Amino acid sequence: MKKAATKVVNLGQLTRSHNNRWVALKPVSGKVVATATSIVALSAKFAQGIPSDVVVHRVLPPQVRFAPQ
């Protein structure tokens, strides 16, 4: 059985100003390309749609805890 490759994303560029926002960032450098309050607004910032070389991530506020099932 083939395992899916896991990408490691550098989140070091994220600051408090990114809390509770959607961000598009470059996976290796962690450079923030765009931010928005909704995924629709983030997508609208790109003329051709969200590029395949960026990772889209929702930055949760620090008081929120998330545990996937």
C-alpha atoms as a PDB file:
ATOM      1  CA  MET A   1       0.000   0.000   0.000  1.00  0.00           C
ATOM      2  CA  LYS A   2       1.306   3.417  -1.012  1.00  0.00           C
ATOM      3  CA  LYS A   3       1.544   6.141   1.621  1.00  0.00           C
ATOM      4  CA  ALA A   4       0.716   9.719   0.732  1.00  0.00           C
ATOM      5  CA  ALA A   5       3.640  12.136   0.894  1.00  0.00           C
ATOM      6  CA  THR A   6       3.479  14.557   3.786  1.00  0.00           C
ATOM      7  CA  LYS A   7       4.534  18.143   3.159  1.00  0.00           C
ATOM      8  CA  VAL A   8       6.135  20.107   5.952  1.00  0.00           C
ATOM      9  CA  VAL A   9       5.001  23.722   5.883  1.00  0.00           C
ATOM     10  CA  ASN A  10       7.007  26.491   7.530  1.00  0.00           C
ATOM     11  CA  LEU A  11       4.532  28.482   9.651  1.00  0.00           C
ATOM     12  CA  GLY A  12       7.225  30.736  11.136  1.00  0.00           C
ATOM     13  CA  GLN A  13       6.005  33.842   9.281  1.00  0.00           C
ATOM     14  CA  LEU A  14       2.554  33.771  10.867  1.00  0.00           C
ATOM     15  CA  THR A  15       1.916  36.441  13.506  1.00  0.00           C
ATOM     16  CA  ARG A  16      -0.981  37.534  15.693  1.00  0.00           C
ATOM     17  CA  SER A  17      -2.281  39.636  12.817  1.00  0.00           C
ATOM     18  CA  HIS A  18      -3.042  36.364  10.982  1.00  0.00           C
ATOM     19  CA  ASN A  19      -5.234  34.963  13.790  1.00  0.00           C
ATOM     20  CA  ASN A  20      -8.735  33.974  12.679  1.00  0.00           C
ATOM     21  CA  ARG A  21      -7.873  34.552   8.997  1.00  0.00           C
ATOM     22  CA  TRP A  22      -7.228  32.459   5.909  1.00  0.00           C
ATOM     23  CA  VAL A  23      -3.675  32.655   4.580  1.00  0.00           C
ATOM     24  CA  ALA A  24      -2.020  31.524   1.374  1.00  0.00           C
ATOM     25  CA  LEU A  25       1.673  30.823   1.850  1.00  0.00           C
ATOM     26  CA  LYS A  26       4.657  29.276   0.139  1.00  0.00           C
ATOM     27  CA  PRO A  27       5.287  25.887   1.799  1.00  0.00           C
ATOM     28  CA  VAL A  28       9.088  25.909   1.973  1.00  0.00           C
ATOM     29  CA  SER A  29       9.838  29.549   2.799  1.00  0.00           C
ATOM     30  CA  GLY A  30       6.626  30.165   4.730  1.00  0.00           C
ATOM     31  CA  LYS A  31       6.213  33.508   2.952  1.00  0.00           C
ATOM     32  CA  VAL A  32       2.649  34.769   3.302  1.00  0.00           C
ATOM     33  CA  VAL A  33       1.319  35.514  -0.192  1.00  0.00           C
ATOM     34  CA  ALA A  34      -2.183  36.727   0.739  1.00  0.00           C
ATOM     35  CA  THR A  35      -4.617  36.860   3.663  1.00  0.00           C
ATOM     36  CA  ALA A  36      -8.383  37.268   3.940  1.00  0.00           C
ATOM     37  CA  THR A  37     -11.244  36.768   6.367  1.00  0.00           C
ATOM     38  CA  SER A  38     -12.885  34.075   4.209  1.00  0.00           C
ATOM     39  CA  ILE A  39     -11.741  31.438   1.744  1.00  0.00           C
ATOM     40  CA  VAL A  40     -13.871  33.083  -0.970  1.00  0.00           C
ATOM     41  CA  ALA A  41     -12.203  36.465  -0.384  1.00  0.00           C
ATOM     42  CA  LEU A  42      -8.772  34.802  -0.427  1.00  0.00           C
ATOM     43  CA  SER A  43      -9.535  33.068  -3.728  1.00  0.00           C
ATOM     44  CA  ALA A  44     -10.728  36.374  -5.211  1.00  0.00           C
ATOM     45  CA  LYS A  45      -7.266  37.867  -4.613  1.00  0.00           C
ATOM     46  CA  PHE A  46      -5.837  35.563  -7.305  1.00  0.00           C
ATOM     47  CA  ALA A  47      -6.827  36.275 -10.915  1.00  0.00           C
ATOM     48  CA  GLN A  48      -6.422  32.654 -12.062  1.00  0.00           C
ATOM     49  CA  GLY A  49      -7.591  31.018  -8.828  1.00  0.00           C
ATOM     50  CA  ILE A  50      -5.335  29.878  -6.024  1.00  0.00           C
ATOM     51  CA  PRO A  51      -1.981  28.743  -7.494  1.00  0.00           C
ATOM     52  CA  SER A  52      -0.916  25.133  -7.015  1.00  0.00           C
ATOM     53  CA  ASP A  53       2.415  26.179  -5.476  1.00  0.00           C
ATOM     54  CA  VAL A  54       0.835  27.742  -2.364  1.00  0.00           C
ATOM     55  CA  VAL A  55      -0.762  26.184   0.691  1.00  0.00           C
ATOM     56  CA  VAL A  56      -4.048  27.568   2.020  1.00  0.00           C
ATOM     57  CA  HIS A  57      -4.393  27.443   5.791  1.00  0.00           C
ATOM     58  CA  ARG A  58      -6.873  28.759   8.350  1.00  0.00           C
ATOM     59  CA  VAL A  59      -5.060  30.326  11.316  1.00  0.00           C
ATOM     60  CA  LEU A  60      -7.092  29.679  14.422  1.00  0.00           C
ATOM     61  CA  PRO A  61      -7.149  32.104  17.359  1.00  0.00           C
ATOM     62  CA  PRO A  62      -4.846  31.042  20.228  1.00  0.00           C
ATOM     63  CA  GLN A  63      -7.756  30.266  22.580  1.00  0.00           C
ATOM     64  CA  VAL A  64      -9.209  27.693  20.144  1.00  0.00           C
ATOM     65  CA  ARG A  65      -8.091  24.067  20.416  1.00  0.00           C
ATOM     66  CA  PHE A  66      -8.488  21.684  17.499  1.00  0.00           C
ATOM     67  CA  ALA A  67      -8.140  17.916  17.644  1.00  0.00           C
ATOM     68  CA  PRO A  68      -8.895  15.996  14.436  1.00  0.00           C
ATOM     69  CA  GLN A  69     -10.743  12.705  14.788  1.00  0.00           C
END
